[in-house]
Amino acid sequence: MLYFAANGRAVIARWTNNKYYSGNILYESNHQTTVILTDGDKRTYSKGDVSAVFSDQAPNDVQLAQHVVAKWKWSEKYHIGFVTAETSDGYVVTFDDGDIGTYFSSQLRILPNQDSPHKGKLGR
């Protein structure tokens, strides 16, 4: 398989613990992307798994019930959650484990390839 060096684009990548971490693209081919994470670990992902690697870019728009990833309390890991409310302090995110946090849009990343918005309770 022919690989070419990538431009080092900043990404968020899923690790084996189903948490996401910051990194940069190291190599890409038509079928795979290799990422080097900020801690130096490397992992190769299938391009068919579109939620495995996505751009580390703050969203222009955040919607209620949208799936996102956000860092939890000084962690380097991004956790999966969904937006449950918008307040004057930012967006309220309910994480998959039930924890709740408030974030500015600049701290959120939209989780790609979610076919439908979360059906959970909003505005709690």
Protein backbone atom coordinates (compact mmCIF):
# COMPACT_ATOMS: atom_id res chain seq x y z
CA MET A 1 0.00 0.00 0.00
CA LEU A 2 1.38 3.36 -1.00
CA TYR A 3 1.55 5.93 1.80
CA PHE A 4 2.42 9.58 1.54
CA ALA A 5 3.51 11.97 4.26
CA ALA A 6 0.65 14.13 5.48
CA ASN A 7 0.78 17.77 6.40
CA GLY A 8 0.66 17.19 10.16
CA ARG A 9 -2.97 18.35 10.32
CA ALA A 10 -4.33 18.44 13.89
CA VAL A 11 -6.93 15.75 14.57
CA ILE A 12 -8.85 14.02 17.34
CA ALA A 13 -8.39 10.23 17.26
CA ARG A 14 -10.11 7.37 19.09
CA TRP A 15 -7.91 5.11 21.17
CA THR A 16 -8.67 1.52 22.21
CA ASN A 17 -10.42 2.69 25.41
CA ASN A 18 -13.06 4.48 23.26
CA LYS A 19 -11.75 7.84 24.47
CA TYR A 20 -10.41 10.42 22.05
CA TYR A 21 -7.02 12.16 22.14
CA SER A 22 -5.33 15.01 20.27
CA GLY A 23 -2.78 14.17 17.62
CA ASN A 24 -1.51 14.90 14.13
CA ILE A 25 -1.75 12.96 10.90
CA LEU A 26 1.54 11.26 10.15
CA TYR A 27 0.70 9.32 6.96
CA GLU A 28 -2.33 8.74 4.78
CA SER A 29 -3.27 6.40 1.97
CA ASN A 30 -6.52 5.91 0.10
CA HIS A 31 -7.65 3.44 2.78
CA GLN A 32 -5.80 4.27 6.01
CA THR A 33 -4.69 7.17 8.18
CA THR A 34 -1.80 6.93 10.66
CA VAL A 35 -1.92 9.35 13.57
CA ILE A 36 0.73 10.24 16.11
CA LEU A 37 -0.90 11.27 19.37
CA THR A 38 0.47 14.02 21.59
CA ASP A 39 1.89 11.39 23.98
CA GLY A 40 3.91 9.83 21.11
CA ASP A 41 1.75 6.74 20.56
CA LYS A 42 0.91 5.88 16.95
CA ARG A 43 -2.16 4.18 15.60
CA THR A 44 -3.47 3.40 12.10
CA TYR A 45 -7.18 3.74 11.33
CA SER A 46 -9.35 2.67 8.42
CA LYS A 47 -10.76 5.62 6.51
CA GLY A 48 -14.05 3.73 6.45
CA ASP A 49 -14.41 4.40 10.19
CA VAL A 50 -15.20 8.11 9.90
CA SER A 51 -15.67 8.63 13.65
CA ALA A 52 -12.17 7.27 14.43
CA VAL A 53 -10.24 10.34 13.22
CA PHE A 54 -11.64 13.81 12.65
CA SER A 55 -10.42 17.37 12.46
CA ASP A 56 -9.46 19.13 15.71
CA GLN A 57 -11.48 22.19 14.86
CA ALA A 58 -13.96 24.09 17.00
CA PRO A 59 -17.46 24.05 15.52
CA ASN A 60 -19.04 27.10 13.94
CA ASP A 61 -22.43 26.03 15.22
CA VAL A 62 -23.53 23.77 18.09
CA GLN A 63 -27.03 22.31 18.24
CA LEU A 64 -29.04 20.81 21.09
CA ALA A 65 -28.89 16.98 21.12
CA GLN A 66 -25.73 16.99 18.96
CA HIS A 67 -23.09 14.37 19.77
CA VAL A 68 -19.78 15.94 20.78
CA VAL A 69 -16.49 15.13 22.43
CA ALA A 70 -15.05 17.33 25.18
CA LYS A 71 -12.23 17.07 27.71
CA TRP A 72 -13.43 16.26 31.21
CA LYS A 73 -11.94 18.30 34.10
CA TRP A 74 -8.29 18.82 33.25
CA SER A 75 -8.03 15.50 31.43
CA GLU A 76 -6.20 14.96 28.17
CA LYS A 77 -8.94 12.55 27.09
CA TYR A 78 -11.96 13.64 25.11
CA HIS A 79 -15.14 11.94 26.28
CA ILE A 80 -18.31 11.34 24.26
CA GLY A 81 -21.46 13.21 25.23
CA PHE A 82 -24.33 15.20 23.82
CA VAL A 83 -25.48 18.79 24.17
CA THR A 84 -28.43 19.01 26.57
CA ALA A 85 -28.83 22.79 26.98
CA GLU A 86 -27.46 26.18 26.04
CA THR A 87 -26.98 28.67 28.89
CA SER A 88 -25.37 32.08 29.33
CA ASP A 89 -22.27 30.16 30.53
CA GLY A 90 -22.02 27.94 27.43
CA TYR A 91 -23.28 24.53 26.36
CA VAL A 92 -24.27 21.87 28.86
CA VAL A 93 -22.91 18.46 27.88
CA THR A 94 -24.14 15.19 29.36
CA PHE A 95 -21.49 12.51 28.99
CA ASP A 96 -22.17 8.84 28.34
CA ASP A 97 -21.39 8.00 31.99
CA GLY A 98 -23.95 10.57 33.25
CA ASP A 99 -21.50 13.30 34.26
CA ILE A 100 -22.46 16.84 33.24
CA GLY A 101 -20.22 19.78 32.34
CA THR A 102 -20.55 23.23 30.77
CA TYR A 103 -18.32 24.19 27.84
CA PHE A 104 -17.75 27.03 25.41
CA SER A 105 -18.14 26.05 21.76
CA SER A 106 -14.35 26.42 21.37
CA GLN A 107 -13.92 23.50 23.81
CA LEU A 108 -16.22 21.14 21.90
CA ARG A 109 -15.63 18.98 18.86
CA ILE A 110 -18.54 17.58 16.86
CA LEU A 111 -18.50 13.78 16.70
CA PRO A 112 -18.92 12.89 13.02
CA ASN A 113 -21.26 10.34 11.47
CA GLN A 114 -23.99 10.38 14.07
CA ASP A 115 -27.10 9.55 12.06
CA SER A 116 -29.55 11.03 14.52
CA PRO A 117 -29.48 13.45 17.42
CA HIS A 118 -29.51 12.03 20.92
CA LYS A 119 -32.98 11.10 22.12
CA GLY A 120 -32.17 11.65 25.83
CA LYS A 121 -33.63 14.32 28.09
CA LEU A 122 -32.68 17.85 27.14
CA GLY A 123 -32.39 20.85 29.40
CA ARG A 124 -31.87 19.09 32.71
